Protein backbone atom coordinates (compact mmCIF):
# COMPACT_ATOMS: atom_id res chain seq x y z
CA UNK A 1 0.00 0.00 0.00
CA UNK A 2 2.74 2.47 0.96
CA UNK A 3 4.69 1.59 -2.21
CA UNK A 4 1.63 2.23 -4.37
CA UNK A 5 1.32 5.70 -2.81
CA UNK A 6 5.02 6.62 -2.71
CA UNK A 7 5.89 6.01 -6.38
CA UNK A 8 3.22 8.36 -7.81
CA UNK A 9 4.18 10.97 -5.20
CA UNK A 10 7.86 10.81 -6.17
CA UNK A 11 6.98 11.02 -9.87
CA UNK A 12 4.79 14.02 -9.13
CA UNK A 13 7.57 15.79 -7.24
CA UNK A 14 10.03 15.16 -10.07
CA UNK A 15 7.58 16.57 -12.61
CA UNK A 16 7.15 19.71 -10.50
CA UNK A 17 10.83 20.53 -10.69
CA UNK A 18 12.25 19.02 -7.53
CA UNK A 19 15.50 20.67 -6.41
CA UNK A 20 18.52 19.87 -8.55
CA UNK A 21 21.97 18.87 -7.31
CA UNK A 22 24.57 21.58 -6.78
CA UNK A 23 27.86 21.99 -8.60
CA UNK A 24 30.77 23.82 -7.03
CA UNK A 25 32.02 26.61 -9.30
CA UNK A 26 35.07 28.79 -8.86
CA UNK A 27 36.19 31.64 -11.10
CA UNK A 28 39.88 32.51 -11.39
CA UNK A 29 40.48 30.80 -8.02
CA UNK A 30 38.57 33.56 -6.20
CA UNK A 31 35.99 33.08 -3.42
CA UNK A 32 32.35 33.74 -4.25
CA UNK A 33 31.51 37.45 -3.99
CA UNK A 34 35.02 38.62 -4.93
CA UNK A 35 35.78 41.58 -7.18
CA UNK A 36 36.57 40.45 -10.72
CA UNK A 37 40.18 41.39 -11.60
CA UNK A 38 40.45 44.20 -14.17
CA UNK A 39 42.36 41.94 -16.59
CA UNK A 40 39.06 40.13 -17.29
CA UNK A 41 37.19 43.39 -18.00
CA UNK A 42 37.06 45.67 -21.01
CA UNK A 43 39.60 47.99 -19.35
CA UNK A 44 42.29 45.38 -18.84
CA UNK A 45 42.56 42.96 -21.73
CA UNK A 46 39.07 41.43 -21.74
CA UNK A 47 40.23 37.82 -21.55
CA UNK A 48 37.89 35.23 -20.11
CA UNK A 49 38.69 33.97 -16.61
CA UNK A 50 39.59 30.38 -15.77
CA UNK A 51 36.60 28.41 -14.52
CA UNK A 52 36.73 25.24 -12.44
CA UNK A 53 33.72 23.15 -11.44
CA UNK A 54 33.17 19.91 -9.57
CA UNK A 55 30.39 17.74 -8.23
CA UNK A 56 28.72 16.77 -11.50
CA UNK A 57 26.18 14.03 -10.91
CA UNK A 58 26.30 10.66 -12.60
CA UNK A 59 24.73 10.85 -16.03
CA UNK A 60 26.25 14.24 -16.92
CA UNK A 61 26.88 14.28 -20.67
CA UNK A 62 27.66 17.98 -21.25
CA UNK A 63 28.02 21.34 -19.55
CA UNK A 64 26.73 24.82 -20.35
CA UNK A 65 27.70 28.19 -18.91
CA UNK A 66 26.13 31.64 -18.81
CA UNK A 67 27.45 34.93 -17.42
CA UNK A 68 24.95 37.73 -16.77
CA UNK A 69 24.99 41.25 -15.29
CA UNK A 70 21.53 41.92 -13.80
CA UNK A 71 22.57 45.46 -12.77
CA UNK A 72 22.98 46.82 -16.32
CA UNK A 73 20.99 50.03 -16.92
CA UNK A 74 19.09 48.53 -19.89
CA UNK A 75 18.25 45.24 -18.12
CA UNK A 76 20.21 42.02 -17.73
CA UNK A 77 23.32 42.09 -19.93
CA UNK A 78 24.70 38.80 -21.25
CA UNK A 79 28.51 38.48 -21.18
CA UNK A 80 29.00 34.84 -22.17
CA UNK A 81 27.02 31.86 -23.48
CA UNK A 82 28.84 28.52 -23.83
CA UNK A 83 27.25 25.10 -24.32
CA UNK A 84 27.75 21.47 -25.26
CA UNK A 85 31.06 21.48 -23.41
CA UNK A 86 32.39 17.96 -22.92
CA UNK A 87 32.49 16.46 -19.45
CA UNK A 88 35.55 18.19 -17.98
CA UNK A 89 36.51 20.11 -14.84
CA UNK A 90 36.31 23.59 -16.39
CA UNK A 91 37.54 26.09 -18.97
CA UNK A 92 41.01 27.59 -19.37
CA UNK A 93 41.62 31.33 -19.13
CA UNK A 94 41.47 33.51 -22.28
CA UNK A 95 39.21 31.40 -24.48
CA UNK A 96 39.34 32.62 -28.09
CA UNK A 97 36.17 34.30 -29.40
CA UNK A 98 35.45 31.55 -31.89
CA UNK A 99 32.35 29.51 -32.67
CA UNK A 100 33.93 26.31 -31.34
CA UNK A 101 35.68 25.96 -27.99
CA UNK A 102 39.04 24.21 -28.14
CA UNK A 103 38.50 20.65 -26.88
CA UNK A 104 34.77 20.72 -27.63
CA UNK A 105 31.77 22.94 -27.08
CA UNK A 106 30.23 25.96 -28.78
CA UNK A 107 29.93 29.64 -28.00
CA UNK A 108 26.79 31.68 -28.33
CA UNK A 109 26.27 35.39 -28.79
CA UNK A 110 26.40 37.91 -25.96
CA UNK A 111 24.55 41.22 -25.62
CA UNK A 112 27.12 42.91 -27.88
CA UNK A 113 26.04 40.49 -30.63
CA UNK A 114 29.48 38.84 -30.58
CA UNK A 115 30.62 35.27 -30.04
CA UNK A 116 32.40 34.41 -26.82
CA UNK A 117 33.34 36.35 -23.71
CA UNK A 118 33.11 40.09 -23.33
CA UNK A 119 34.04 41.10 -19.81
CA UNK A 120 32.70 43.67 -17.39
CA UNK A 121 32.27 47.15 -18.87
CA UNK A 122 29.70 48.87 -16.64
CA UNK A 123 29.13 52.62 -16.62
CA UNK A 124 31.07 54.41 -13.87
CA UNK A 125 29.42 54.49 -10.49
CA UNK A 126 27.70 51.64 -8.76
CA UNK A 127 28.99 48.11 -8.28
CA UNK A 128 27.66 45.55 -10.76
CA UNK A 129 27.19 41.85 -9.98
CA UNK A 130 28.18 39.17 -12.49
CA UNK A 131 26.40 35.82 -12.20
CA UNK A 132 28.42 32.90 -13.56
CA UNK A 133 26.20 29.81 -13.78
CA UNK A 134 27.36 26.36 -14.87
CA UNK A 135 24.87 23.62 -15.74
CA UNK A 136 25.42 19.85 -15.82
CA UNK A 137 23.24 18.43 -18.60
CA UNK A 138 21.93 14.93 -19.23
CA UNK A 139 22.53 15.43 -22.98
CA UNK A 140 24.10 18.06 -25.24
CA UNK A 141 21.75 20.79 -26.47
CA UNK A 142 22.47 20.18 -30.16
CA UNK A 143 22.45 23.94 -30.83
CA UNK A 144 24.62 25.35 -33.57
CA UNK A 145 27.27 27.94 -32.63
CA UNK A 146 25.94 31.46 -32.18
CA UNK A 147 22.83 30.64 -30.14
CA UNK A 148 21.27 33.23 -27.85
CA UNK A 149 20.81 32.72 -24.12
CA UNK A 150 17.08 32.31 -24.75
CA UNK A 151 17.70 29.49 -27.24
CA UNK A 152 20.09 27.86 -24.77
CA UNK A 153 17.55 28.03 -21.95
CA UNK A 154 14.91 26.43 -24.17
CA UNK A 155 17.33 23.69 -25.30
CA UNK A 156 18.33 22.90 -21.69
CA UNK A 157 14.74 22.38 -20.51
CA UNK A 158 14.40 18.94 -18.95
CA UNK A 159 18.18 18.29 -19.25
CA UNK A 160 19.58 20.15 -16.22
CA UNK A 161 20.89 17.68 -13.64
CA UNK A 162 22.76 20.20 -11.48
CA UNK A 163 23.88 23.80 -11.46
CA UNK A 164 26.38 25.97 -9.67
CA UNK A 165 26.79 29.70 -9.36
CA UNK A 166 29.60 32.11 -8.59
CA UNK A 167 28.95 35.82 -8.22
CA UNK A 168 31.62 38.43 -8.76
CA UNK A 169 31.55 42.22 -8.62
CA UNK A 170 33.04 44.93 -10.80
CA UNK A 171 33.07 48.70 -10.51
CA UNK A 172 34.55 51.46 -12.66
């Protein structure tokens, strides 16, 4: 009797979006909440930071990554969209702004309309927060290079096994 009740309940919880597992994400070896070094911003070379993640659940077949600035004056600004990364522990610093990521994966377009990373470039004044989010996926998205963050979100639906976030700050 209990088994007959428990299985439908568990299936119902899963369908409602039960909490996902957490990944640990670190950016450039800095603790969460740290200022992003200028060398990763528009003012200092604009190279992408090194990212390291761990804790991917069994069944992970690919990773995706987004970087967003929710404090931008015109609304959330997208700095990086990367997807279909192979199962690996992260991304090296200074990824080229190409359609394909060395070693596998694809880059989408950011809010500048460009492929790859474009670092912090906020207007002078207040501190901006940059949300780096990595997703462990049960299958690659199958998107072609150059996808938008909206297309990535749609393609990841039902495939996210775990996610991790790191927040950095930047001020001019």
